[in-house]
Amino acid sequence: MKGVGPRDQKGFALALALLALMVLAGIVSAAVAAAVGQVRSASAAGRVLVSRTKARAGLETIFAETVGRPASFVGGPAVALGSDTVPGGSWRVLDLRLSREFHLFMGEGWVGEGIPLRDVRMAWWMDPVFRVAAHQAVIESAHIHVGAGAELRADSLLAERPGVLPCGHLSLLAGAFGHPGFPASGHLPGPPEWGSDSSASGFAGIRLGWFTASALGELADRHLSESIPSGLRCPTCWLGLVVGERQVDFGESGGGVLVVDGDLTLLRGSFWRGLILASGDVTFRGSSRVLGLVRAGGSVTLEPGSVVDGSACAAFHGLQSAASLARPIPLPGRSWAGPVSPGIS
């Protein structure tokens, strides 16, 4: 046999070198491919994050700025509440009404021309008709005492009164108050209509749907000083949302929603049209008058000469006059429903 010559050795070394270069090229190619994949993944993740941020920002904007009654209706299409174009993309928010007071808000966020991502929130939006129809008596309280000569009326709940239009054309109110024998007094409803609710902090004492006492205070059109009548006399005025705290002595005339987080005393000669909510005791002095509905967490006392004339229509118009309450309230928690196109317009 002949030995391996120098030429053969050089050829073998060249082959090994070429093989090493091929392996190295493969490693480099794999590394480049991995790096490109990571960049693409990071870019996609970044677009998802930006889209999601835009969707949530749109929802927060709508919850902060929307005031008024909802345009959507149960069984109807989703309604656009707002949209905006921002650097690098855009957002919009749709409202889908699920029931009288509960809505599904869908915030959609776009980056470029891509598929939008959505952040879906549940919201509560007060319906004045539904709120009034939830009452089961003219006065709902823990205890009630009607003195000799005091009047507590539970007839003509849907009739026209001075300064109050009739409301019998509203089917929900007609169904709730249009039958004879509506009780003049009854017990308070349980949570979430009234009182404490262990599943939602901040609702102890007094509530109007999902409005806490503190929220009502922030949205008030007028605040009452403690134990000091503020001197307003306007029996035909709708004052919106009027809020007081602790011990309130009310000697005014007006209408709307009167909320007191504490005890309320209606002084002689005072008059209120609409809805009264108090977390504590309510006392009606002689010659004080109320046209509407009353809820009190404590006892209610009608002294001789006082009158509570039940009126679902006054309560309804009082709630309508409180324009600050016409706004969506986000419920706790949020769910993510992307990245898919909702197919709703």
C-alpha atoms as a PDB file:
ATOM      1  CA  MET A   1       0.000   0.000   0.000  1.00  0.00           C
ATOM      2  CA  LYS A   2       1.124   3.414  -0.711  1.00  0.00           C
ATOM      3  CA  GLY A   3       1.287   5.988   2.103  1.00  0.00           C
ATOM      4  CA  VAL A   4      -0.777   9.121   2.257  1.00  0.00           C
ATOM      5  CA  GLY A   5       0.991  11.811   0.341  1.00  0.00           C
ATOM      6  CA  PRO A   6       1.214  15.513   1.137  1.00  0.00           C
ATOM      7  CA  ARG A   7      -1.401  16.267  -1.486  1.00  0.00           C
ATOM      8  CA  ASP A   8      -3.929  13.962   0.164  1.00  0.00           C
ATOM      9  CA  GLN A   9      -3.216  15.452   3.563  1.00  0.00           C
ATOM     10  CA  LYS A  10      -3.883  18.943   2.239  1.00  0.00           C
ATOM     11  CA  GLY A  11      -7.200  17.784   0.726  1.00  0.00           C
ATOM     12  CA  PHE A  12      -8.301  16.214   4.005  1.00  0.00           C
ATOM     13  CA  ALA A  13      -7.454  19.388   5.940  1.00  0.00           C
ATOM     14  CA  LEU A  14      -9.403  21.469   3.436  1.00  0.00           C
ATOM     15  CA  ALA A  15     -12.437  19.245   3.846  1.00  0.00           C
ATOM     16  CA  LEU A  16     -12.294  19.604   7.636  1.00  0.00           C
ATOM     17  CA  ALA A  17     -12.002  23.351   7.309  1.00  0.00           C
ATOM     18  CA  LEU A  18     -14.994  23.504   4.984  1.00  0.00           C
ATOM     19  CA  LEU A  19     -16.992  21.331   7.372  1.00  0.00           C
ATOM     20  CA  ALA A  20     -16.111  23.612  10.291  1.00  0.00           C
ATOM     21  CA  LEU A  21     -17.174  26.651   8.288  1.00  0.00           C
ATOM     22  CA  MET A  22     -20.492  24.993   7.448  1.00  0.00           C
ATOM     23  CA  VAL A  23     -21.138  24.198  11.120  1.00  0.00           C
ATOM     24  CA  LEU A  24     -20.204  27.719  12.137  1.00  0.00           C
ATOM     25  CA  ALA A  25     -22.438  29.164   9.421  1.00  0.00           C
ATOM     26  CA  GLY A  26     -25.307  27.010  10.687  1.00  0.00           C
ATOM     27  CA  ILE A  27     -24.773  28.214  14.227  1.00  0.00           C
ATOM     28  CA  VAL A  28     -24.668  31.824  13.090  1.00  0.00           C
ATOM     29  CA  SER A  29     -27.770  31.325  10.939  1.00  0.00           C
ATOM     30  CA  ALA A  30     -29.650  29.746  13.840  1.00  0.00           C
ATOM     31  CA  ALA A  31     -28.577  32.553  16.141  1.00  0.00           C
ATOM     32  CA  VAL A  32     -29.693  35.170  13.620  1.00  0.00           C
ATOM     33  CA  ALA A  33     -33.024  33.395  13.124  1.00  0.00           C
ATOM     34  CA  ALA A  34     -33.546  33.210  16.894  1.00  0.00           C
ATOM     35  CA  ALA A  35     -32.701  36.870  17.277  1.00  0.00           C
ATOM     36  CA  VAL A  36     -35.080  37.839  14.472  1.00  0.00           C
ATOM     37  CA  GLY A  37     -37.797  35.700  16.041  1.00  0.00           C
ATOM     38  CA  GLN A  38     -37.242  37.362  19.398  1.00  0.00           C
ATOM     39  CA  VAL A  39     -37.402  40.803  17.821  1.00  0.00           C
ATOM     40  CA  ARG A  40     -40.619  39.881  16.017  1.00  0.00           C
ATOM     41  CA  SER A  41     -42.111  38.418  19.200  1.00  0.00           C
ATOM     42  CA  ALA A  42     -41.106  41.473  21.163  1.00  0.00           C
ATOM     43  CA  SER A  43     -42.575  43.707  18.461  1.00  0.00           C
ATOM     44  CA  ALA A  44     -45.836  41.739  18.439  1.00  0.00           C
ATOM     45  CA  ALA A  45     -45.976  41.796  22.240  1.00  0.00           C
ATOM     46  CA  GLY A  46     -45.351  45.529  22.140  1.00  0.00           C
ATOM     47  CA  ARG A  47     -48.193  46.067  19.675  1.00  0.00           C
ATOM     48  CA  VAL A  48     -50.525  43.969  21.860  1.00  0.00           C
ATOM     49  CA  LEU A  49     -49.551  45.995  24.913  1.00  0.00           C
ATOM     50  CA  VAL A  50     -50.046  49.303  23.098  1.00  0.00           C
ATOM     51  CA  SER A  51     -53.433  48.189  21.715  1.00  0.00           C
ATOM     52  CA  ARG A  52     -54.562  47.023  25.119  1.00  0.00           C
ATOM     53  CA  THR A  53     -53.410  50.273  26.700  1.00  0.00           C
ATOM     54  CA  LYS A  54     -55.360  52.291  24.138  1.00  0.00           C
ATOM     55  CA  ALA A  55     -58.496  50.209  24.754  1.00  0.00           C
ATOM     56  CA  ARG A  56     -58.287  50.698  28.516  1.00  0.00           C
ATOM     57  CA  ALA A  57     -57.479  54.381  28.173  1.00  0.00           C
ATOM     58  CA  GLY A  58     -60.589  54.766  26.016  1.00  0.00           C
ATOM     59  CA  LEU A  59     -62.712  53.119  28.690  1.00  0.00           C
ATOM     60  CA  GLU A  60     -61.316  55.333  31.426  1.00  0.00           C
ATOM     61  CA  THR A  61     -61.982  58.389  29.262  1.00  0.00           C
ATOM     62  CA  ILE A  62     -65.610  57.372  28.688  1.00  0.00           C
ATOM     63  CA  PHE A  63     -66.229  56.641  32.379  1.00  0.00           C
ATOM     64  CA  ALA A  64     -64.753  60.019  33.326  1.00  0.00           C
ATOM     65  CA  GLU A  65     -66.478  62.159  30.689  1.00  0.00           C
ATOM     66  CA  THR A  66     -69.838  60.558  29.806  1.00  0.00           C
ATOM     67  CA  VAL A  67     -72.862  62.342  31.281  1.00  0.00           C
ATOM     68  CA  GLY A  68     -76.467  61.732  30.222  1.00  0.00           C
ATOM     69  CA  ARG A  69     -78.922  58.895  29.713  1.00  0.00           C
ATOM     70  CA  PRO A  70     -77.819  55.876  27.661  1.00  0.00           C
ATOM     71  CA  ALA A  71     -78.823  55.761  23.990  1.00  0.00           C
ATOM     72  CA  SER A  72     -78.605  51.964  23.825  1.00  0.00           C
ATOM     73  CA  PHE A  73     -81.569  49.717  24.623  1.00  0.00           C
ATOM     74  CA  VAL A  74     -82.018  46.099  25.665  1.00  0.00           C
ATOM     75  CA  GLY A  75     -81.835  43.832  22.631  1.00  0.00           C
ATOM     76  CA  GLY A  76     -80.526  46.621  20.419  1.00  0.00           C
ATOM     77  CA  PRO A  77     -77.161  47.070  18.700  1.00  0.00           C
ATOM     78  CA  ALA A  78     -74.056  48.395  20.388  1.00  0.00           C
ATOM     79  CA  VAL A  79     -73.764  52.176  20.421  1.00  0.00           C
ATOM     80  CA  ALA A  80     -70.469  54.027  19.985  1.00  0.00           C
ATOM     81  CA  LEU A  81     -69.840  56.278  22.977  1.00  0.00           C
ATOM     82  CA  GLY A  82     -66.573  57.800  21.853  1.00  0.00           C
ATOM     83  CA  SER A  83     -63.424  57.388  19.785  1.00  0.00           C
ATOM     84  CA  ASP A  84     -60.134  59.141  19.180  1.00  0.00           C
ATOM     85  CA  THR A  85     -57.000  58.928  17.062  1.00  0.00           C
ATOM     86  CA  VAL A  86     -53.750  59.045  18.990  1.00  0.00           C
ATOM     87  CA  PRO A  87     -50.094  58.786  17.854  1.00  0.00           C
ATOM     88  CA  GLY A  88     -49.577  55.286  16.517  1.00  0.00           C
ATOM     89  CA  GLY A  89     -53.190  54.150  16.605  1.00  0.00           C
ATOM     90  CA  SER A  90     -56.747  54.826  17.736  1.00  0.00           C
ATOM     91  CA  TRP A  91     -59.492  53.648  20.104  1.00  0.00           C
ATOM     92  CA  ARG A  92     -63.263  53.547  20.430  1.00  0.00           C
ATOM     93  CA  VAL A  93     -65.761  52.425  23.062  1.00  0.00           C
ATOM     94  CA  LEU A  94     -69.056  50.619  22.385  1.00  0.00           C
ATOM     95  CA  ASP A  95     -71.979  50.267  24.787  1.00  0.00           C
ATOM     96  CA  LEU A  96     -74.114  47.107  24.656  1.00  0.00           C
ATOM     97  CA  ARG A  97     -77.110  47.335  27.013  1.00  0.00           C
ATOM     98  CA  LEU A  98     -77.749  43.989  28.717  1.00  0.00           C
ATOM     99  CA  SER A  99     -80.635  44.978  31.019  1.00  0.00           C
ATOM    100  CA  ARG A 100     -82.371  48.116  32.311  1.00  0.00           C
ATOM    101  CA  GLU A 101     -79.305  49.229  34.272  1.00  0.00           C
ATOM    102  CA  PHE A 102     -76.396  46.959  33.329  1.00  0.00           C
ATOM    103  CA  HIS A 103     -74.196  47.526  30.291  1.00  0.00           C
ATOM    104  CA  LEU A 104     -71.215  45.878  28.628  1.00  0.00           C
ATOM    105  CA  PHE A 105     -68.606  48.461  27.640  1.00  0.00           C
ATOM    106  CA  MET A 106     -66.121  47.346  24.981  1.00  0.00           C
ATOM    107  CA  GLY A 107     -62.960  49.374  24.591  1.00  0.00           C
ATOM    108  CA  GLU A 108     -61.148  48.665  21.293  1.00  0.00           C
ATOM    109  CA  GLY A 109     -57.571  49.706  20.605  1.00  0.00           C
ATOM    110  CA  TRP A 110     -55.751  49.742  17.243  1.00  0.00           C
ATOM    111  CA  VAL A 111     -52.095  50.032  16.331  1.00  0.00           C
ATOM    112  CA  GLY A 112     -51.826  50.945  12.666  1.00  0.00           C
ATOM    113  CA  GLU A 113     -54.207  48.863  10.546  1.00  0.00           C
ATOM    114  CA  GLY A 114     -54.015  45.733  12.680  1.00  0.00           C
ATOM    115  CA  ILE A 115     -56.806  43.814  14.380  1.00  0.00           C
ATOM    116  CA  PRO A 116     -58.067  45.692  17.468  1.00  0.00           C
ATOM    117  CA  LEU A 117     -57.733  44.304  20.959  1.00  0.00           C
ATOM    118  CA  ARG A 118     -60.560  44.776  23.439  1.00  0.00           C
ATOM    119  CA  ASP A 119     -60.915  45.433  27.129  1.00  0.00           C
ATOM    120  CA  VAL A 120     -64.456  44.628  28.281  1.00  0.00           C
ATOM    121  CA  ARG A 121     -65.968  46.229  31.383  1.00  0.00           C
ATOM    122  CA  MET A 122     -69.338  45.864  33.063  1.00  0.00           C
ATOM    123  CA  ALA A 123     -71.042  49.147  33.943  1.00  0.00           C
ATOM    124  CA  TRP A 124     -74.117  50.241  35.917  1.00  0.00           C
ATOM    125  CA  TRP A 125     -76.120  53.154  34.508  1.00  0.00           C
ATOM    126  CA  MET A 126     -79.054  54.336  36.583  1.00  0.00           C
ATOM    127  CA  ASP A 127     -82.523  54.217  35.046  1.00  0.00           C
ATOM    128  CA  PRO A 128     -84.905  56.586  36.921  1.00  0.00           C
ATOM    129  CA  VAL A 129     -87.993  54.551  35.992  1.00  0.00           C
ATOM    130  CA  PHE A 130     -86.442  51.317  37.257  1.00  0.00           C
ATOM    131  CA  ARG A 131     -85.188  53.031  40.454  1.00  0.00           C
ATOM    132  CA  VAL A 132     -88.655  54.356  41.320  1.00  0.00           C
ATOM    133  CA  ALA A 133     -90.418  51.116  40.374  1.00  0.00           C
ATOM    134  CA  ALA A 134     -88.242  49.273  42.923  1.00  0.00           C
ATOM    135  CA  HIS A 135     -90.115  50.983  45.788  1.00  0.00           C
ATOM    136  CA  GLN A 136     -92.643  48.791  47.553  1.00  0.00           C
ATOM    137  CA  ALA A 137     -94.275  51.436  49.772  1.00  0.00           C
ATOM    138  CA  VAL A 138     -94.594  55.208  50.069  1.00  0.00           C
ATOM    139  CA  ILE A 139     -92.386  55.119  53.183  1.00  0.00           C
ATOM    140  CA  GLU A 140     -89.878  52.291  53.541  1.00  0.00           C
ATOM    141  CA  SER A 141     -88.137  52.208  56.904  1.00  0.00           C
ATOM    142  CA  ALA A 142     -87.149  50.065  59.850  1.00  0.00           C
ATOM    143  CA  HIS A 143     -89.985  51.544  61.958  1.00  0.00           C
ATOM    144  CA  ILE A 144     -92.762  54.088  61.408  1.00  0.00           C
ATOM    145  CA  HIS A 145     -95.008  56.107  63.716  1.00  0.00           C
ATOM    146  CA  VAL A 146     -97.901  58.191  62.368  1.00  0.00           C
ATOM    147  CA  GLY A 147     -99.223  60.647  64.953  1.00  0.00           C
ATOM    148  CA  ALA A 148    -102.856  61.664  65.366  1.00  0.00           C
ATOM    149  CA  GLY A 149    -103.783  64.174  62.696  1.00  0.00           C
ATOM    150  CA  ALA A 150    -100.838  63.311  60.434  1.00  0.00           C
ATOM    151  CA  GLU A 151    -101.554  62.064  56.903  1.00  0.00           C
ATOM    152  CA  LEU A 152     -99.798  59.298  54.962  1.00  0.00           C
ATOM    153  CA  ARG A 153    -101.415  58.869  51.542  1.00  0.00           C
ATOM    154  CA  ALA A 154    -100.874  55.995  49.116  1.00  0.00           C
ATOM    155  CA  ASP A 155    -103.487  56.782  46.474  1.00  0.00           C
ATOM    156  CA  SER A 156    -103.113  58.631  43.170  1.00  0.00           C
ATOM    157  CA  LEU A 157     -99.451  57.661  42.933  1.00  0.00           C
ATOM    158  CA  LEU A 158     -99.423  58.202  39.159  1.00  0.00           C
ATOM    159  CA  ALA A 159    -101.655  61.287  39.054  1.00  0.00           C
ATOM    160  CA  GLU A 160    -100.713  64.830  38.105  1.00  0.00           C
ATOM    161  CA  ARG A 161     -99.936  67.199  40.966  1.00  0.00           C
ATOM    162  CA  PRO A 162     -99.024  70.895  41.016  1.00  0.00           C
ATOM    163  CA  GLY A 163     -95.613  71.061  39.367  1.00  0.00           C
ATOM    164  CA  VAL A 164     -95.538  67.295  38.702  1.00  0.00           C
ATOM    165  CA  LEU A 165     -96.592  65.751  35.389  1.00  0.00           C
ATOM    166  CA  PRO A 166     -98.444  62.414  35.384  1.00  0.00           C
ATOM    167  CA  CYS A 167     -96.362  59.308  34.669  1.00  0.00           C
ATOM    168  CA  GLY A 168     -98.944  56.581  34.073  1.00  0.00           C
ATOM    169  CA  HIS A 169     -97.779  56.313  30.459  1.00  0.00           C
ATOM    170  CA  LEU A 170     -94.546  54.681  31.688  1.00  0.00           C
ATOM    171  CA  SER A 171     -95.412  50.989  31.632  1.00  0.00           C
ATOM    172  CA  LEU A 172     -92.973  49.975  34.370  1.00  0.00           C
ATOM    173  CA  LEU A 173     -94.353  52.572  36.777  1.00  0.00           C
ATOM    174  CA  ALA A 174     -97.924  51.748  35.785  1.00  0.00           C
ATOM    175  CA  GLY A 175     -97.241  48.105  36.587  1.00  0.00           C
ATOM    176  CA  ALA A 176     -95.652  48.914  39.940  1.00  0.00           C
ATOM    177  CA  PHE A 177     -98.039  51.615  41.196  1.00  0.00           C
ATOM    178  CA  GLY A 178    -101.164  51.351  39.040  1.00  0.00           C
ATOM    179  CA  HIS A 179    -102.956  48.736  41.111  1.00  0.00           C
ATOM    180  CA  PRO A 180    -105.124  49.523  44.168  1.00  0.00           C
ATOM    181  CA  GLY A 181    -103.888  48.748  47.630  1.00  0.00           C
ATOM    182  CA  PHE A 182    -100.307  49.987  47.254  1.00  0.00           C
ATOM    183  CA  PRO A 183     -98.977  50.054  50.842  1.00  0.00           C
ATOM    184  CA  ALA A 184     -98.402  53.346  52.608  1.00  0.00           C
ATOM    185  CA  SER A 185     -95.537  51.912  54.661  1.00  0.00           C
ATOM    186  CA  GLY A 186     -93.275  48.900  54.474  1.00  0.00           C
ATOM    187  CA  HIS A 187     -89.863  47.492  55.289  1.00  0.00           C
ATOM    188  CA  LEU A 188     -86.595  48.490  53.660  1.00  0.00           C
ATOM    189  CA  PRO A 189     -85.397  46.361  50.760  1.00  0.00           C
ATOM    190  CA  GLY A 190     -82.218  44.368  51.261  1.00  0.00           C
ATOM    191  CA  PRO A 191     -78.895  44.810  49.487  1.00  0.00           C
ATOM    192  CA  PRO A 192     -78.106  45.866  46.860  1.00  0.00           C
ATOM    193  CA  GLU A 193     -81.080  48.262  46.933  1.00  0.00           C
ATOM    194  CA  TRP A 194     -80.323  49.525  50.424  1.00  0.00           C
ATOM    195  CA  GLY A 195     -78.070  49.060  53.409  1.00  0.00           C
ATOM    196  CA  SER A 196     -74.815  47.227  53.895  1.00  0.00           C
ATOM    197  CA  ASP A 197     -73.536  44.615  51.488  1.00  0.00           C
ATOM    198  CA  SER A 198     -70.623  42.416  52.554  1.00  0.00           C
ATOM    199  CA  SER A 199     -69.598  41.939  48.907  1.00  0.00           C
ATOM    200  CA  ALA A 200     -69.129  45.664  48.268  1.00  0.00           C
ATOM    201  CA  SER A 201     -67.385  47.885  50.774  1.00  0.00           C
ATOM    202  CA  GLY A 202     -68.613  51.424  51.261  1.00  0.00           C
ATOM    203  CA  PHE A 203     -72.313  50.671  50.871  1.00  0.00           C
ATOM    204  CA  ALA A 204     -73.176  50.555  54.571  1.00  0.00           C
ATOM    205  CA  GLY A 205     -75.833  52.969  55.773  1.00  0.00           C
ATOM    206  CA  ILE A 206     -77.237  54.460  52.588  1.00  0.00           C
ATOM    207  CA  ARG A 207     -77.083  53.801  48.867  1.00  0.00           C
ATOM    208  CA  LEU A 208     -78.824  54.607  45.604  1.00  0.00           C
ATOM    209  CA  GLY A 209     -78.081  51.691  43.331  1.00  0.00           C
ATOM    210  CA  TRP A 210     -74.300  51.636  42.961  1.00  0.00           C
ATOM    211  CA  PHE A 211     -73.879  55.184  44.273  1.00  0.00           C
ATOM    212  CA  THR A 212     -72.358  55.185  47.744  1.00  0.00           C
ATOM    213  CA  ALA A 213     -72.972  57.975  50.233  1.00  0.00           C
ATOM    214  CA  SER A 214     -69.521  59.404  49.477  1.00  0.00           C
ATOM    215  CA  ALA A 215     -70.162  59.283  45.718  1.00  0.00           C
ATOM    216  CA  LEU A 216     -73.488  61.064  46.186  1.00  0.00           C
ATOM    217  CA  GLY A 217     -71.704  63.725  48.200  1.00  0.00           C
ATOM    218  CA  GLU A 218     -69.190  64.274  45.395  1.00  0.00           C
ATOM    219  CA  LEU A 219     -71.926  64.545  42.756  1.00  0.00           C
ATOM    220  CA  ALA A 220     -74.266  66.768  44.769  1.00  0.00           C
ATOM    221  CA  ASP A 221     -75.751  69.852  43.118  1.00  0.00           C
ATOM    222  CA  ARG A 222     -76.233  71.402  46.557  1.00  0.00           C
ATOM    223  CA  HIS A 223     -74.903  70.658  50.052  1.00  0.00           C
ATOM    224  CA  LEU A 224     -76.816  71.330  53.273  1.00  0.00           C
ATOM    225  CA  SER A 225     -74.891  72.565  56.284  1.00  0.00           C
ATOM    226  CA  GLU A 226     -75.350  70.620  59.500  1.00  0.00           C
ATOM    227  CA  SER A 227     -78.414  71.756  61.467  1.00  0.00           C
ATOM    228  CA  ILE A 228     -78.619  75.044  59.548  1.00  0.00           C
ATOM    229  CA  PRO A 229     -81.433  75.616  57.023  1.00  0.00           C
ATOM    230  CA  SER A 230     -79.896  77.325  54.022  1.00  0.00           C
ATOM    231  CA  GLY A 231     -82.865  79.634  53.460  1.00  0.00           C
ATOM    232  CA  LEU A 232     -83.925  78.540  49.973  1.00  0.00           C
ATOM    233  CA  ARG A 233     -87.656  78.789  49.290  1.00  0.00           C
ATOM    234  CA  CYS A 234     -88.692  77.600  45.841  1.00  0.00           C
ATOM    235  CA  PRO A 235     -91.594  75.129  45.972  1.00  0.00           C
ATOM    236  CA  THR A 236     -91.712  74.818  42.171  1.00  0.00           C
ATOM    237  CA  CYS A 237     -87.935  74.370  41.664  1.00  0.00           C
ATOM    238  CA  TRP A 238     -86.184  71.121  40.865  1.00  0.00           C
ATOM    239  CA  LEU A 239     -82.857  71.336  42.681  1.00  0.00           C
ATOM    240  CA  GLY A 240     -81.317  68.072  41.457  1.00  0.00           C
ATOM    241  CA  LEU A 241     -79.262  66.148  44.034  1.00  0.00           C
ATOM    242  CA  VAL A 242     -79.203  67.762  47.509  1.00  0.00           C
ATOM    243  CA  VAL A 243     -76.967  66.111  50.121  1.00  0.00           C
ATOM    244  CA  GLY A 244     -76.489  66.583  53.854  1.00  0.00           C
ATOM    245  CA  GLU A 245     -74.613  64.783  56.633  1.00  0.00           C
ATOM    246  CA  ARG A 246     -75.150  63.874  60.280  1.00  0.00           C
ATOM    247  CA  GLN A 247     -78.070  65.835  61.792  1.00  0.00           C
ATOM    248  CA  VAL A 248     -79.892  67.927  59.188  1.00  0.00           C
ATOM    249  CA  ASP A 249     -82.755  70.287  60.037  1.00  0.00           C
ATOM    250  CA  PHE A 250     -84.447  71.032  56.745  1.00  0.00           C
ATOM    251  CA  GLY A 251     -86.595  74.154  56.574  1.00  0.00           C
ATOM    252  CA  GLU A 252     -86.660  74.743  52.825  1.00  0.00           C
ATOM    253  CA  SER A 253     -88.972  74.180  49.886  1.00  0.00           C
ATOM    254  CA  GLY A 254     -87.934  72.546  46.652  1.00  0.00           C
ATOM    255  CA  GLY A 255     -87.716  69.288  44.763  1.00  0.00           C
ATOM    256  CA  GLY A 256     -85.305  66.630  43.550  1.00  0.00           C
ATOM    257  CA  VAL A 257     -83.406  63.932  45.422  1.00  0.00           C
ATOM    258  CA  LEU A 258     -82.739  64.749  49.076  1.00  0.00           C
ATOM    259  CA  VAL A 259     -80.051  62.492  50.583  1.00  0.00           C
ATOM    260  CA  VAL A 260     -78.944  62.654  54.221  1.00  0.00           C
ATOM    261  CA  ASP A 261     -76.242  60.403  55.594  1.00  0.00           C
ATOM    262  CA  GLY A 262     -77.599  60.668  59.132  1.00  0.00           C
ATOM    263  CA  ASP A 263     -80.823  61.928  60.753  1.00  0.00           C
ATOM    264  CA  LEU A 264     -83.205  64.278  58.945  1.00  0.00           C
ATOM    265  CA  THR A 265     -85.828  66.568  60.470  1.00  0.00           C
ATOM    266  CA  LEU A 266     -88.256  68.429  58.185  1.00  0.00           C
ATOM    267  CA  LEU A 267     -89.157  71.585  60.077  1.00  0.00           C
ATOM    268  CA  ARG A 268     -92.609  73.184  60.256  1.00  0.00           C
ATOM    269  CA  GLY A 269     -93.617  74.710  56.934  1.00  0.00           C
ATOM    270  CA  SER A 270     -91.003  72.844  54.876  1.00  0.00           C
ATOM    271  CA  PHE A 271     -91.960  71.132  51.632  1.00  0.00           C
ATOM    272  CA  TRP A 272     -90.164  68.619  49.386  1.00  0.00           C
ATOM    273  CA  ARG A 273     -91.147  67.096  46.023  1.00  0.00           C
ATOM    274  CA  GLY A 274     -89.353  63.990  44.837  1.00  0.00           C
ATOM    275  CA  LEU A 275     -87.301  61.342  46.603  1.00  0.00           C
ATOM    276  CA  ILE A 276     -85.956  61.367  50.183  1.00  0.00           C
ATOM    277  CA  LEU A 277     -83.203  58.971  51.306  1.00  0.00           C
ATOM    278  CA  ALA A 278     -81.770  59.026  54.834  1.00  0.00           C
ATOM    279  CA  SER A 279     -79.507  56.544  56.562  1.00  0.00           C
ATOM    280  CA  GLY A 280     -80.859  57.430  60.028  1.00  0.00           C
ATOM    281  CA  ASP A 281     -84.166  58.615  61.491  1.00  0.00           C
ATOM    282  CA  VAL A 282     -86.568  60.966  59.699  1.00  0.00           C
ATOM    283  CA  THR A 283     -88.966  63.244  61.584  1.00  0.00           C
ATOM    284  CA  PHE A 284     -91.746  65.288  59.955  1.00  0.00           C
ATOM    285  CA  ARG A 285     -92.726  68.228  62.148  1.00  0.00           C
ATOM    286  CA  GLY A 286     -96.272  69.623  62.114  1.00  0.00           C
ATOM    287  CA  SER A 287     -97.242  71.312  58.806  1.00  0.00           C
ATOM    288  CA  SER A 288     -94.237  69.886  56.929  1.00  0.00           C
ATOM    289  CA  ARG A 289     -95.179  68.258  53.624  1.00  0.00           C
ATOM    290  CA  VAL A 290     -93.611  65.764  51.244  1.00  0.00           C
ATOM    291  CA  LEU A 291     -94.854  64.818  47.802  1.00  0.00           C
ATOM    292  CA  GLY A 292     -92.994  61.703  46.672  1.00  0.00           C
ATOM    293  CA  LEU A 293     -91.395  58.613  48.200  1.00  0.00           C
ATOM    294  CA  VAL A 294     -89.266  58.149  51.324  1.00  0.00           C
ATOM    295  CA  ARG A 295     -86.621  55.617  52.422  1.00  0.00           C
ATOM    296  CA  ALA A 296     -85.005  55.732  55.874  1.00  0.00           C
ATOM    297  CA  GLY A 297     -82.583  53.360  57.528  1.00  0.00           C
ATOM    298  CA  GLY A 298     -83.990  54.142  60.994  1.00  0.00           C
ATOM    299  CA  SER A 299     -87.439  55.161  62.199  1.00  0.00           C
ATOM    300  CA  VAL A 300     -89.855  57.591  60.520  1.00  0.00           C
ATOM    301  CA  THR A 301     -92.121  59.785  62.645  1.00  0.00           C
ATOM    302  CA  LEU A 302     -95.008  61.888  61.296  1.00  0.00           C
ATOM    303  CA  GLU A 303     -96.017  64.433  63.908  1.00  0.00           C
ATOM    304  CA  PRO A 304     -99.600  65.809  63.990  1.00  0.00           C
ATOM    305  CA  GLY A 305    -100.268  68.100  61.032  1.00  0.00           C
ATOM    306  CA  SER A 306     -97.530  66.696  58.769  1.00  0.00           C
ATOM    307  CA  VAL A 307     -98.355  65.162  55.380  1.00  0.00           C
ATOM    308  CA  VAL A 308     -96.560  62.592  53.213  1.00  0.00           C
ATOM    309  CA  ASP A 309     -98.429  62.360  49.930  1.00  0.00           C
ATOM    310  CA  GLY A 310     -97.159  59.363  47.959  1.00  0.00           C
ATOM    311  CA  SER A 311     -96.228  60.167  44.365  1.00  0.00           C
ATOM    312  CA  ALA A 312     -94.234  57.907  42.081  1.00  0.00           C
ATOM    313  CA  CYS A 313     -94.255  60.693  39.482  1.00  0.00           C
ATOM    314  CA  ALA A 314     -92.648  63.205  41.852  1.00  0.00           C
ATOM    315  CA  ALA A 315     -89.938  60.674  42.709  1.00  0.00           C
ATOM    316  CA  PHE A 316     -89.379  59.985  39.016  1.00  0.00           C
ATOM    317  CA  HIS A 317     -89.115  63.651  38.052  1.00  0.00           C
ATOM    318  CA  GLY A 318     -86.878  64.279  41.056  1.00  0.00           C
ATOM    319  CA  LEU A 319     -84.447  61.606  39.878  1.00  0.00           C
ATOM    320  CA  GLN A 320     -84.552  62.961  36.347  1.00  0.00           C
ATOM    321  CA  SER A 321     -83.644  66.409  37.633  1.00  0.00           C
ATOM    322  CA  ALA A 322     -80.468  65.014  39.217  1.00  0.00           C
ATOM    323  CA  ALA A 323     -78.445  65.176  36.003  1.00  0.00           C
ATOM    324  CA  SER A 324     -75.195  64.434  37.860  1.00  0.00           C
ATOM    325  CA  LEU A 325     -76.466  60.880  38.498  1.00  0.00           C
ATOM    326  CA  ALA A 326     -76.887  60.184  34.775  1.00  0.00           C
ATOM    327  CA  ARG A 327     -73.491  58.577  34.199  1.00  0.00           C
ATOM    328  CA  PRO A 328     -72.065  55.062  33.850  1.00  0.00           C
ATOM    329  CA  ILE A 329     -70.404  53.556  36.918  1.00  0.00           C
ATOM    330  CA  PRO A 330     -67.767  50.814  36.292  1.00  0.00           C
ATOM    331  CA  LEU A 331     -68.289  47.690  38.376  1.00  0.00           C
ATOM    332  CA  PRO A 332     -65.321  46.125  40.196  1.00  0.00           C
ATOM    333  CA  GLY A 333     -63.018  43.926  38.099  1.00  0.00           C
ATOM    334  CA  ARG A 334     -62.321  43.788  34.379  1.00  0.00           C
ATOM    335  CA  SER A 335     -61.987  41.032  31.787  1.00  0.00           C
ATOM    336  CA  TRP A 336     -59.900  40.840  28.613  1.00  0.00           C
ATOM    337  CA  ALA A 337     -61.485  39.606  25.396  1.00  0.00           C
ATOM    338  CA  GLY A 338     -58.774  40.060  22.726  1.00  0.00           C
ATOM    339  CA  PRO A 339     -57.178  39.772  20.320  1.00  0.00           C
ATOM    340  CA  VAL A 340     -60.263  39.323  18.145  1.00  0.00           C
ATOM    341  CA  SER A 341     -62.409  41.668  16.141  1.00  0.00           C
ATOM    342  CA  PRO A 342     -65.770  42.065  17.923  1.00  0.00           C
ATOM    343  CA  GLY A 343     -67.803  42.120  14.709  1.00  0.00           C
ATOM    344  CA  ILE A 344     -70.128  44.674  16.287  1.00  0.00           C
ATOM    345  CA  SER A 345     -70.782  48.076  14.802  1.00  0.00           C
END
